[in-house]
Amino acid sequence: MKLNKENMKKIFVLTVLLFLNYSYTIAQILPGTLDVSGMPSFIQTVDDVVLEAGSDDTTVGFESNFDSTIIGFVLDPRSFPRISSALNCEANVYRYSVYINTLNAPANVILEAKTSFNSGQRFPAVSIYDGSPIQPLGPRDLTPSNGGNYIVVPNNASQAIKIMEFVGCRTDIPIQFRIKPSALTPAGTHNFEINYTVTASLTL
């Protein structure tokens, strides 16, 4: 039995608030700043998510531009002795892992995220570390989780999932989002948070 779409006026509006966090896995690691710009915003009517009564069209969803969200992480400059962020990043190379989760996402909505291999820019672009015969953490590359394919973002801070890891400071990393709504999601405007957590390590 087909739904009468003329009577279906249910609309989903999803907007996102960003929350950032930086944690240390080793006490000697220097403080840094995680920068995030851009966020996905999504509007869809129930016509787009229902095929038949009681049946969701799970293949239909919203996909953001590949660079709708840009993140980067650099070490903070130091005032004494005066050292810029670029010099601080060059002198102190760590392995960073970026975790992602949502909070207060509406029920029955699946949010997925991904990035690609070596996306973004090394910071600084050229470093003494790059030419060193010994690179204890490996090259200053970025490795996405799940082979660069979409991962489901958990709606629970205690279950935050790693979306990528990279060696050395890095900027302009694009994150792409895909949202799969459901006709079971309550109509209205839903505001939820996307949290990013960065951990740093001196080991592989």
N, C-alpha and C. Protein backbone atom coordinates (compact mmCIF):
# COMPACT_ATOMS: atom_id res chain seq x y z
N MET A 1 0.85 -1.20 0.00
CA MET A 1 0.00 0.00 0.00
C MET A 1 0.88 1.24 0.00
N LYS A 2 0.68 2.08 -0.98
CA LYS A 2 1.48 3.30 -1.10
C LYS A 2 0.94 4.40 -0.20
N LEU A 3 1.83 5.21 0.33
CA LEU A 3 1.42 6.35 1.15
C LEU A 3 0.92 7.47 0.26
N ASN A 4 -0.04 8.22 0.75
CA ASN A 4 -0.50 9.42 0.07
C ASN A 4 0.44 10.55 0.42
N LYS A 5 1.37 10.85 -0.46
CA LYS A 5 2.42 11.82 -0.16
C LYS A 5 1.89 13.24 -0.03
N GLU A 6 0.71 13.50 -0.59
CA GLU A 6 0.17 14.85 -0.49
C GLU A 6 -0.16 15.19 0.96
N ASN A 7 -0.41 14.15 1.78
CA ASN A 7 -0.76 14.39 3.17
C ASN A 7 0.45 14.35 4.10
N MET A 8 1.61 14.09 3.52
CA MET A 8 2.80 13.95 4.35
C MET A 8 3.57 15.26 4.35
N LYS A 9 3.55 15.98 5.46
CA LYS A 9 4.21 17.27 5.57
C LYS A 9 5.31 17.25 6.63
N LYS A 10 5.66 16.06 7.06
CA LYS A 10 6.65 15.91 8.11
C LYS A 10 8.03 16.30 7.58
N ILE A 11 8.72 17.16 8.30
CA ILE A 11 10.02 17.65 7.84
C ILE A 11 11.05 17.49 8.94
N PHE A 12 12.24 17.02 8.53
CA PHE A 12 13.34 16.89 9.47
C PHE A 12 14.34 18.00 9.18
N VAL A 13 14.79 18.68 10.20
CA VAL A 13 15.85 19.67 10.07
C VAL A 13 16.91 19.32 11.11
N LEU A 14 18.10 19.01 10.64
CA LEU A 14 19.20 18.66 11.53
C LEU A 14 20.27 19.72 11.46
N THR A 15 20.61 20.28 12.59
CA THR A 15 21.73 21.22 12.64
C THR A 15 22.72 20.72 13.67
N VAL A 16 23.93 21.23 13.59
CA VAL A 16 25.02 20.66 14.37
C VAL A 16 25.74 21.73 15.18
N LEU A 17 26.07 21.39 16.41
CA LEU A 17 26.92 22.21 17.26
C LEU A 17 28.24 21.48 17.42
N LEU A 18 29.33 22.21 17.42
CA LEU A 18 30.65 21.59 17.51
C LEU A 18 31.23 21.73 18.90
N PHE A 19 31.80 20.66 19.39
CA PHE A 19 32.51 20.69 20.66
C PHE A 19 33.86 20.03 20.47
N LEU A 20 34.90 20.66 20.98
CA LEU A 20 36.26 20.21 20.76
C LEU A 20 36.90 19.80 22.06
N ASN A 21 37.80 18.86 21.97
CA ASN A 21 38.50 18.41 23.16
C ASN A 21 39.88 17.95 22.75
N TYR A 22 40.85 18.17 23.61
CA TYR A 22 42.21 17.71 23.36
C TYR A 22 42.72 17.06 24.63
N SER A 23 43.17 15.84 24.52
CA SER A 23 43.65 15.15 25.71
C SER A 23 45.06 14.65 25.47
N TYR A 24 45.75 14.34 26.55
CA TYR A 24 47.14 13.93 26.51
C TYR A 24 47.26 12.47 26.92
N THR A 25 48.05 11.70 26.19
CA THR A 25 48.31 10.34 26.61
C THR A 25 49.65 10.26 27.33
N ILE A 26 50.47 11.29 27.19
CA ILE A 26 51.75 11.35 27.88
C ILE A 26 51.93 12.77 28.40
N ALA A 27 52.36 12.90 29.65
CA ALA A 27 52.35 14.20 30.31
C ALA A 27 53.25 15.22 29.61
N GLN A 28 54.33 14.78 28.98
CA GLN A 28 55.29 15.73 28.40
C GLN A 28 54.79 16.34 27.09
N ILE A 29 53.74 15.82 26.53
CA ILE A 29 53.27 16.32 25.25
C ILE A 29 52.74 17.75 25.40
N LEU A 30 53.08 18.58 24.44
CA LEU A 30 52.76 20.01 24.53
C LEU A 30 51.31 20.29 24.15
N PRO A 31 50.74 21.37 24.65
CA PRO A 31 49.35 21.70 24.32
C PRO A 31 49.23 22.19 22.88
N GLY A 32 48.06 21.97 22.33
CA GLY A 32 47.80 22.40 20.96
C GLY A 32 46.36 22.83 20.79
N THR A 33 46.01 23.23 19.57
CA THR A 33 44.67 23.72 19.28
C THR A 33 44.06 22.94 18.13
N LEU A 34 42.87 22.42 18.37
CA LEU A 34 42.09 21.75 17.32
C LEU A 34 41.13 22.77 16.74
N ASP A 35 41.25 23.00 15.45
CA ASP A 35 40.40 23.99 14.77
C ASP A 35 39.42 23.27 13.86
N VAL A 36 38.15 23.63 13.96
CA VAL A 36 37.10 23.03 13.13
C VAL A 36 36.28 24.14 12.51
N SER A 37 36.08 24.06 11.20
CA SER A 37 35.24 25.05 10.51
C SER A 37 34.25 24.32 9.61
N GLY A 38 33.05 24.85 9.55
CA GLY A 38 32.00 24.24 8.72
C GLY A 38 31.30 23.12 9.46
N MET A 39 30.05 22.88 9.10
CA MET A 39 29.28 21.82 9.73
C MET A 39 28.15 21.42 8.78
N PRO A 40 27.73 20.16 8.85
CA PRO A 40 26.62 19.74 7.98
C PRO A 40 25.29 20.27 8.48
N SER A 41 24.42 20.64 7.56
CA SER A 41 23.06 21.04 7.90
C SER A 41 22.14 20.31 6.91
N PHE A 42 21.06 19.77 7.39
CA PHE A 42 20.30 18.81 6.60
C PHE A 42 18.81 19.06 6.74
N ILE A 43 18.11 19.10 5.61
CA ILE A 43 16.66 19.24 5.59
C ILE A 43 16.10 18.20 4.64
N GLN A 44 15.11 17.44 5.10
CA GLN A 44 14.51 16.43 4.24
C GLN A 44 13.07 16.17 4.66
N THR A 45 12.20 15.98 3.68
CA THR A 45 10.81 15.66 3.97
C THR A 45 10.65 14.15 4.08
N VAL A 46 9.56 13.74 4.68
CA VAL A 46 9.31 12.31 4.83
C VAL A 46 9.12 11.65 3.47
N ASP A 47 8.70 12.41 2.45
CA ASP A 47 8.57 11.84 1.12
C ASP A 47 9.86 11.19 0.65
N ASP A 48 10.99 11.74 1.11
CA ASP A 48 12.28 11.25 0.65
C ASP A 48 12.74 9.99 1.37
N VAL A 49 12.12 9.70 2.50
CA VAL A 49 12.63 8.59 3.31
C VAL A 49 11.66 7.42 3.43
N VAL A 50 10.47 7.54 2.83
CA VAL A 50 9.50 6.45 2.92
C VAL A 50 9.18 5.93 1.53
N LEU A 51 9.25 4.61 1.36
CA LEU A 51 8.85 3.97 0.12
C LEU A 51 7.41 3.46 0.23
N GLU A 52 7.15 2.71 1.29
CA GLU A 52 5.83 2.17 1.53
C GLU A 52 5.52 2.30 3.01
N ALA A 53 4.28 2.10 3.35
CA ALA A 53 3.88 2.21 4.75
C ALA A 53 4.73 1.29 5.61
N GLY A 54 5.38 1.89 6.63
CA GLY A 54 6.19 1.10 7.54
C GLY A 54 7.54 0.71 7.00
N SER A 55 7.91 1.23 5.84
CA SER A 55 9.18 0.84 5.23
C SER A 55 10.01 2.07 4.89
N ASP A 56 11.20 2.18 5.49
CA ASP A 56 12.12 3.27 5.18
C ASP A 56 12.88 3.00 3.91
N ASP A 57 13.19 4.05 3.18
CA ASP A 57 14.12 3.95 2.06
C ASP A 57 15.51 4.22 2.60
N THR A 58 16.20 3.20 3.06
CA THR A 58 17.49 3.39 3.73
C THR A 58 18.61 3.74 2.76
N THR A 59 18.35 3.67 1.46
CA THR A 59 19.40 4.02 0.51
C THR A 59 19.43 5.52 0.25
N VAL A 60 18.41 6.25 0.68
CA VAL A 60 18.34 7.69 0.43
C VAL A 60 18.88 8.42 1.65
N GLY A 61 19.74 9.36 1.42
CA GLY A 61 20.27 10.16 2.52
C GLY A 61 20.92 11.41 1.99
N PHE A 62 21.35 12.22 2.90
CA PHE A 62 22.04 13.46 2.54
C PHE A 62 23.54 13.24 2.65
N GLU A 63 24.29 13.69 1.65
CA GLU A 63 25.74 13.60 1.68
C GLU A 63 26.31 15.00 1.48
N SER A 64 27.15 15.41 2.39
CA SER A 64 27.74 16.74 2.32
C SER A 64 28.83 16.78 1.26
N ASN A 65 29.30 17.98 0.94
CA ASN A 65 30.50 18.11 0.11
C ASN A 65 31.68 17.48 0.84
N PHE A 66 32.67 17.05 0.08
CA PHE A 66 33.80 16.35 0.70
C PHE A 66 34.55 17.25 1.68
N ASP A 67 34.44 18.56 1.50
CA ASP A 67 35.16 19.48 2.37
C ASP A 67 34.20 20.40 3.13
N SER A 68 33.01 19.90 3.44
CA SER A 68 32.05 20.75 4.15
C SER A 68 32.53 21.08 5.56
N THR A 69 33.32 20.18 6.13
CA THR A 69 33.94 20.43 7.43
C THR A 69 35.45 20.28 7.28
N ILE A 70 36.18 21.24 7.79
CA ILE A 70 37.65 21.23 7.72
C ILE A 70 38.19 21.29 9.15
N ILE A 71 39.09 20.37 9.47
CA ILE A 71 39.70 20.40 10.79
C ILE A 71 41.22 20.46 10.66
N GLY A 72 41.87 20.85 11.72
CA GLY A 72 43.33 20.88 11.75
C GLY A 72 43.80 20.92 13.19
N PHE A 73 45.01 20.45 13.40
CA PHE A 73 45.57 20.48 14.75
C PHE A 73 47.02 20.92 14.68
N VAL A 74 47.35 21.96 15.46
CA VAL A 74 48.73 22.44 15.54
C VAL A 74 49.08 22.69 17.01
N LEU A 75 50.34 22.58 17.31
CA LEU A 75 50.80 22.91 18.66
C LEU A 75 50.77 24.42 18.85
N ASP A 76 50.47 24.83 20.04
CA ASP A 76 50.39 26.25 20.34
C ASP A 76 51.78 26.90 20.32
N PRO A 77 51.87 28.18 19.96
CA PRO A 77 53.16 28.88 20.05
C PRO A 77 53.54 29.05 21.52
N ARG A 78 54.81 29.28 21.74
CA ARG A 78 55.28 29.52 23.10
C ARG A 78 55.82 30.94 23.20
N SER A 79 55.58 31.58 24.33
CA SER A 79 55.98 32.97 24.49
C SER A 79 57.41 33.12 25.02
N PHE A 80 57.87 32.13 25.81
CA PHE A 80 59.23 32.24 26.34
C PHE A 80 59.86 30.85 26.47
N PRO A 81 60.91 30.59 25.68
CA PRO A 81 61.38 31.47 24.60
C PRO A 81 60.36 31.52 23.47
N ARG A 82 60.36 32.61 22.71
CA ARG A 82 59.35 32.80 21.69
C ARG A 82 59.54 31.78 20.56
N ILE A 83 58.56 30.92 20.39
CA ILE A 83 58.59 29.88 19.35
C ILE A 83 57.23 29.86 18.67
N SER A 84 57.21 29.91 17.35
CA SER A 84 55.96 29.90 16.61
C SER A 84 55.36 28.49 16.60
N SER A 85 54.10 28.41 16.19
CA SER A 85 53.46 27.10 16.07
C SER A 85 54.20 26.21 15.07
N ALA A 86 54.64 26.81 13.96
CA ALA A 86 55.33 26.03 12.94
C ALA A 86 56.63 25.43 13.48
N LEU A 87 57.42 26.23 14.18
CA LEU A 87 58.66 25.73 14.75
C LEU A 87 58.40 24.71 15.86
N ASN A 88 57.35 24.94 16.63
CA ASN A 88 56.99 24.01 17.68
C ASN A 88 56.58 22.65 17.10
N CYS A 89 55.82 22.69 16.02
CA CYS A 89 55.41 21.44 15.37
C CYS A 89 56.60 20.73 14.72
N GLU A 90 57.54 21.50 14.20
CA GLU A 90 58.71 20.89 13.57
C GLU A 90 59.61 20.22 14.61
N ALA A 91 59.72 20.82 15.76
CA ALA A 91 60.62 20.30 16.79
C ALA A 91 59.99 19.19 17.63
N ASN A 92 58.66 19.10 17.59
CA ASN A 92 57.95 18.13 18.44
C ASN A 92 56.93 17.37 17.59
N VAL A 93 57.31 16.20 17.15
CA VAL A 93 56.46 15.40 16.28
C VAL A 93 55.80 14.29 17.10
N TYR A 94 54.47 14.27 17.08
CA TYR A 94 53.70 13.26 17.80
C TYR A 94 52.76 12.54 16.83
N ARG A 95 52.24 11.43 17.31
CA ARG A 95 51.18 10.73 16.57
C ARG A 95 49.84 11.15 17.18
N TYR A 96 48.96 11.69 16.34
CA TYR A 96 47.66 12.17 16.80
C TYR A 96 46.55 11.24 16.30
N SER A 97 45.61 10.97 17.16
CA SER A 97 44.40 10.22 16.79
C SER A 97 43.21 11.11 17.03
N VAL A 98 42.29 11.14 16.06
CA VAL A 98 41.10 11.98 16.16
C VAL A 98 39.88 11.07 16.30
N TYR A 99 39.12 11.30 17.37
CA TYR A 99 37.91 10.53 17.64
C TYR A 99 36.70 11.43 17.46
N ILE A 100 35.57 10.82 17.09
CA ILE A 100 34.37 11.58 16.81
C ILE A 100 33.16 10.89 17.43
N ASN A 101 32.23 11.69 17.91
CA ASN A 101 30.95 11.16 18.40
C ASN A 101 29.92 12.27 18.38
N THR A 102 28.68 11.91 18.47
CA THR A 102 27.61 12.89 18.58
C THR A 102 26.98 12.78 19.96
N LEU A 103 26.25 13.82 20.33
CA LEU A 103 25.43 13.83 21.53
C LEU A 103 24.06 14.41 21.18
N ASN A 104 23.04 13.80 21.69
CA ASN A 104 21.66 14.27 21.51
C ASN A 104 21.19 14.19 20.06
N ALA A 105 21.76 13.29 19.27
CA ALA A 105 21.25 13.09 17.92
C ALA A 105 19.86 12.46 18.00
N PRO A 106 18.96 12.81 17.08
CA PRO A 106 17.61 12.25 17.15
C PRO A 106 17.61 10.74 16.90
N ALA A 107 16.65 10.07 17.47
CA ALA A 107 16.55 8.62 17.31
C ALA A 107 16.33 8.25 15.84
N ASN A 108 16.89 7.12 15.47
CA ASN A 108 16.71 6.53 14.13
C ASN A 108 17.38 7.32 13.01
N VAL A 109 18.27 8.23 13.37
CA VAL A 109 19.08 8.92 12.36
C VAL A 109 20.51 8.39 12.46
N ILE A 110 21.05 7.98 11.33
CA ILE A 110 22.42 7.45 11.28
C ILE A 110 23.32 8.50 10.64
N LEU A 111 24.34 8.92 11.38
CA LEU A 111 25.32 9.87 10.86
C LEU A 111 26.62 9.13 10.59
N GLU A 112 27.17 9.30 9.41
CA GLU A 112 28.42 8.66 9.03
C GLU A 112 29.43 9.72 8.62
N ALA A 113 30.71 9.43 8.78
CA ALA A 113 31.76 10.39 8.45
C ALA A 113 32.95 9.66 7.86
N LYS A 114 33.75 10.41 7.07
CA LYS A 114 34.97 9.81 6.51
C LYS A 114 35.92 10.91 6.08
N THR A 115 37.18 10.54 5.91
CA THR A 115 38.17 11.36 5.23
C THR A 115 38.98 10.44 4.36
N SER A 116 40.01 10.95 3.70
CA SER A 116 40.77 10.13 2.76
C SER A 116 42.25 10.08 3.13
N PHE A 117 42.97 9.16 2.53
CA PHE A 117 44.39 9.00 2.82
C PHE A 117 45.15 10.28 2.49
N ASN A 118 45.99 10.69 3.44
CA ASN A 118 46.86 11.86 3.28
C ASN A 118 46.10 13.13 2.90
N SER A 119 44.85 13.23 3.34
CA SER A 119 44.12 14.47 3.11
C SER A 119 44.68 15.57 4.02
N GLY A 120 44.42 16.80 3.64
CA GLY A 120 44.94 17.92 4.42
C GLY A 120 46.38 18.26 4.06
N GLN A 121 46.97 19.13 4.87
CA GLN A 121 48.32 19.63 4.61
C GLN A 121 49.21 19.43 5.83
N ARG A 122 50.44 18.97 5.59
CA ARG A 122 51.40 18.92 6.68
C ARG A 122 51.70 20.34 7.18
N PHE A 123 51.94 20.45 8.48
CA PHE A 123 52.27 21.76 9.04
C PHE A 123 53.46 21.61 9.98
N PRO A 124 54.58 22.27 9.65
CA PRO A 124 54.84 23.03 8.42
C PRO A 124 54.93 22.08 7.21
N ALA A 125 54.86 22.66 6.01
CA ALA A 125 54.86 21.83 4.80
C ALA A 125 56.12 21.00 4.69
N VAL A 126 57.26 21.56 5.07
CA VAL A 126 58.54 20.87 5.03
C VAL A 126 59.16 20.91 6.42
N SER A 127 59.68 19.77 6.85
CA SER A 127 60.21 19.67 8.20
C SER A 127 61.54 18.92 8.18
N ILE A 128 62.39 19.22 9.15
CA ILE A 128 63.64 18.48 9.31
C ILE A 128 63.35 17.00 9.48
N TYR A 129 62.23 16.69 10.13
CA TYR A 129 61.83 15.30 10.38
C TYR A 129 61.69 14.53 9.08
N ASP A 130 61.19 15.19 8.02
CA ASP A 130 60.94 14.51 6.75
C ASP A 130 62.22 13.95 6.13
N GLY A 131 63.33 14.66 6.32
CA GLY A 131 64.59 14.22 5.73
C GLY A 131 65.45 13.38 6.66
N SER A 132 64.94 13.12 7.85
CA SER A 132 65.72 12.35 8.81
C SER A 132 65.73 10.88 8.45
N PRO A 133 66.91 10.22 8.52
CA PRO A 133 66.97 8.78 8.24
C PRO A 133 66.23 7.96 9.28
N ILE A 134 65.99 8.53 10.45
CA ILE A 134 65.26 7.84 11.50
C ILE A 134 63.97 8.62 11.78
N GLN A 135 62.86 7.98 11.49
CA GLN A 135 61.55 8.58 11.75
C GLN A 135 60.79 7.62 12.68
N PRO A 136 60.93 7.80 13.98
CA PRO A 136 60.39 6.83 14.93
C PRO A 136 58.89 6.62 14.85
N LEU A 137 58.16 7.60 14.34
CA LEU A 137 56.71 7.46 14.21
C LEU A 137 56.28 7.21 12.77
N GLY A 138 57.25 7.03 11.88
CA GLY A 138 56.92 6.90 10.47
C GLY A 138 56.78 8.25 9.81
N PRO A 139 56.48 8.28 8.51
CA PRO A 139 56.35 9.55 7.80
C PRO A 139 55.17 10.38 8.31
N ARG A 140 55.21 11.66 8.02
CA ARG A 140 54.14 12.57 8.45
C ARG A 140 52.92 12.42 7.52
N ASP A 141 52.28 11.29 7.64
CA ASP A 141 51.14 10.97 6.79
C ASP A 141 49.87 10.90 7.62
N LEU A 142 48.73 10.89 6.91
CA LEU A 142 47.43 10.72 7.54
C LEU A 142 46.83 9.40 7.07
N THR A 143 46.32 8.63 8.01
CA THR A 143 45.67 7.36 7.70
C THR A 143 44.23 7.39 8.21
N PRO A 144 43.25 7.27 7.31
CA PRO A 144 41.85 7.28 7.77
C PRO A 144 41.45 5.91 8.32
N SER A 145 40.45 5.90 9.16
CA SER A 145 39.89 4.65 9.64
C SER A 145 39.02 4.01 8.55
N ASN A 146 38.87 2.69 8.65
CA ASN A 146 38.00 1.93 7.74
C ASN A 146 38.39 2.12 6.28
N GLY A 147 39.69 2.29 6.03
CA GLY A 147 40.16 2.39 4.65
C GLY A 147 39.66 3.60 3.90
N GLY A 148 39.22 4.63 4.64
CA GLY A 148 38.70 5.82 3.97
C GLY A 148 37.23 5.73 3.63
N ASN A 149 36.57 4.63 4.03
CA ASN A 149 35.13 4.49 3.82
C ASN A 149 34.37 5.09 5.00
N TYR A 150 33.08 5.27 4.83
CA TYR A 150 32.28 5.85 5.90
C TYR A 150 32.29 4.97 7.15
N ILE A 151 32.31 5.62 8.31
CA ILE A 151 32.11 4.95 9.58
C ILE A 151 30.90 5.55 10.26
N VAL A 152 30.18 4.74 11.01
CA VAL A 152 29.02 5.23 11.74
C VAL A 152 29.50 5.97 12.99
N VAL A 153 29.02 7.18 13.16
CA VAL A 153 29.40 8.00 14.31
C VAL A 153 28.49 7.67 15.48
N PRO A 154 29.04 7.16 16.58
CA PRO A 154 28.18 6.80 17.72
C PRO A 154 27.62 8.01 18.42
N ASN A 155 26.41 7.86 18.94
CA ASN A 155 25.75 8.95 19.65
C ASN A 155 26.00 8.80 21.15
N ASN A 156 27.28 8.68 21.51
CA ASN A 156 27.65 8.43 22.90
C ASN A 156 29.11 8.78 23.07
N ALA A 157 29.42 9.69 23.99
CA ALA A 157 30.80 10.12 24.17
C ALA A 157 31.71 8.98 24.62
N SER A 158 31.16 8.04 25.38
CA SER A 158 31.97 6.92 25.87
C SER A 158 32.29 5.92 24.78
N GLN A 159 31.65 6.06 23.62
CA GLN A 159 31.88 5.15 22.50
C GLN A 159 32.47 5.88 21.29
N ALA A 160 33.10 7.03 21.52
CA ALA A 160 33.69 7.79 20.42
C ALA A 160 34.57 6.89 19.57
N ILE A 161 34.51 7.05 18.27
CA ILE A 161 35.22 6.18 17.34
C ILE A 161 36.32 6.96 16.62
N LYS A 162 37.44 6.29 16.38
CA LYS A 162 38.55 6.96 15.70
C LYS A 162 38.24 7.10 14.22
N ILE A 163 38.37 8.33 13.73
CA ILE A 163 38.12 8.57 12.31
C ILE A 163 39.42 8.68 11.52
N MET A 164 40.52 9.01 12.22
CA MET A 164 41.81 9.13 11.51
C MET A 164 42.94 9.20 12.51
N GLU A 165 44.16 9.00 12.02
CA GLU A 165 45.35 9.33 12.80
C GLU A 165 46.38 9.91 11.85
N PHE A 166 47.25 10.78 12.38
CA PHE A 166 48.28 11.38 11.54
C PHE A 166 49.50 11.68 12.40
N VAL A 167 50.63 11.76 11.73
CA VAL A 167 51.89 12.04 12.41
C VAL A 167 52.27 13.49 12.13
N GLY A 168 52.58 14.24 13.18
CA GLY A 168 52.91 15.65 13.02
C GLY A 168 51.68 16.51 12.89
N CYS A 169 51.87 17.80 13.10
CA CYS A 169 50.74 18.73 12.98
C CYS A 169 50.18 18.71 11.56
N ARG A 170 48.88 18.98 11.44
CA ARG A 170 48.24 18.92 10.12
C ARG A 170 47.06 19.87 10.08
N THR A 171 46.84 20.49 8.93
CA THR A 171 45.75 21.45 8.76
C THR A 171 44.93 21.08 7.53
N ASP A 172 43.78 21.74 7.41
CA ASP A 172 42.91 21.64 6.22
C ASP A 172 42.51 20.20 5.89
N ILE A 173 42.18 19.43 6.91
CA ILE A 173 41.74 18.05 6.70
C ILE A 173 40.23 18.05 6.45
N PRO A 174 39.78 17.60 5.29
CA PRO A 174 38.34 17.60 5.01
C PRO A 174 37.65 16.38 5.63
N ILE A 175 36.45 16.59 6.14
CA ILE A 175 35.62 15.49 6.62
C ILE A 175 34.27 15.57 5.91
N GLN A 176 33.88 14.45 5.35
CA GLN A 176 32.60 14.37 4.63
C GLN A 176 31.59 13.60 5.48
N PHE A 177 30.35 14.05 5.45
CA PHE A 177 29.31 13.42 6.25
C PHE A 177 28.20 12.87 5.36
N ARG A 178 27.59 11.81 5.84
CA ARG A 178 26.40 11.26 5.20
C ARG A 178 25.37 11.00 6.29
N ILE A 179 24.14 11.42 6.04
CA ILE A 179 23.08 11.28 7.03
C ILE A 179 21.97 10.42 6.44
N LYS A 180 21.59 9.39 7.18
CA LYS A 180 20.48 8.54 6.79
C LYS A 180 19.34 8.72 7.79
N PRO A 181 18.31 9.47 7.41
CA PRO A 181 17.20 9.70 8.32
C PRO A 181 16.20 8.55 8.24
N SER A 182 15.17 8.65 9.03
CA SER A 182 14.13 7.64 9.06
C SER A 182 12.78 8.30 9.23
N ALA A 183 11.75 7.67 8.67
CA ALA A 183 10.40 8.17 8.87
C ALA A 183 9.97 8.07 10.32
N LEU A 184 10.71 7.27 11.12
CA LEU A 184 10.40 7.11 12.54
C LEU A 184 10.96 8.26 13.38
N THR A 185 11.82 9.10 12.77
CA THR A 185 12.36 10.25 13.49
C THR A 185 11.27 11.29 13.71
N PRO A 186 11.12 11.79 14.93
CA PRO A 186 10.09 12.80 15.17
C PRO A 186 10.28 14.03 14.28
N ALA A 187 9.18 14.58 13.80
CA ALA A 187 9.26 15.78 12.97
C ALA A 187 9.72 16.96 13.81
N GLY A 188 10.32 17.93 13.13
CA GLY A 188 10.76 19.13 13.82
C GLY A 188 12.22 19.40 13.59
N THR A 189 12.74 20.37 14.33
CA THR A 189 14.14 20.76 14.23
C THR A 189 14.93 20.07 15.33
N HIS A 190 16.01 19.41 14.96
CA HIS A 190 16.83 18.67 15.92
C HIS A 190 18.23 19.27 15.94
N ASN A 191 18.67 19.72 17.07
CA ASN A 191 20.03 20.22 17.24
C ASN A 191 20.84 19.19 18.01
N PHE A 192 21.97 18.82 17.46
CA PHE A 192 22.82 17.89 18.18
C PHE A 192 24.28 18.28 18.01
N GLU A 193 25.12 17.69 18.84
CA GLU A 193 26.53 18.05 18.89
C GLU A 193 27.38 17.02 18.15
N ILE A 194 28.42 17.50 17.48
CA ILE A 194 29.47 16.63 16.99
C ILE A 194 30.72 16.96 17.79
N ASN A 195 31.22 15.97 18.51
CA ASN A 195 32.40 16.16 19.35
C ASN A 195 33.62 15.56 18.69
N TYR A 196 34.73 16.29 18.72
CA TYR A 196 36.01 15.80 18.24
C TYR A 196 36.98 15.75 19.43
N THR A 197 37.66 14.64 19.56
CA THR A 197 38.67 14.50 20.61
C THR A 197 39.98 14.09 19.98
N VAL A 198 41.05 14.78 20.32
CA VAL A 198 42.39 14.46 19.81
C VAL A 198 43.23 13.90 20.95
N THR A 199 43.85 12.76 20.72
CA THR A 199 44.82 12.23 21.67
C THR A 199 46.19 12.21 21.00
N ALA A 200 47.22 12.38 21.77
CA ALA A 200 48.58 12.45 21.22
C ALA A 200 49.46 11.42 21.90
N SER A 201 50.41 10.88 21.15
CA SER A 201 51.30 9.85 21.69
C SER A 201 52.69 10.00 21.07
N LEU A 202 53.68 9.54 21.78
CA LEU A 202 55.05 9.50 21.27
C LEU A 202 55.43 8.11 20.78
N THR A 203 54.46 7.21 20.73
CA THR A 203 54.74 5.84 20.31
C THR A 203 53.91 5.46 19.10
N LEU A 204 54.30 4.40 18.43
CA LEU A 204 53.56 3.91 17.28
C LEU A 204 52.23 3.35 17.71
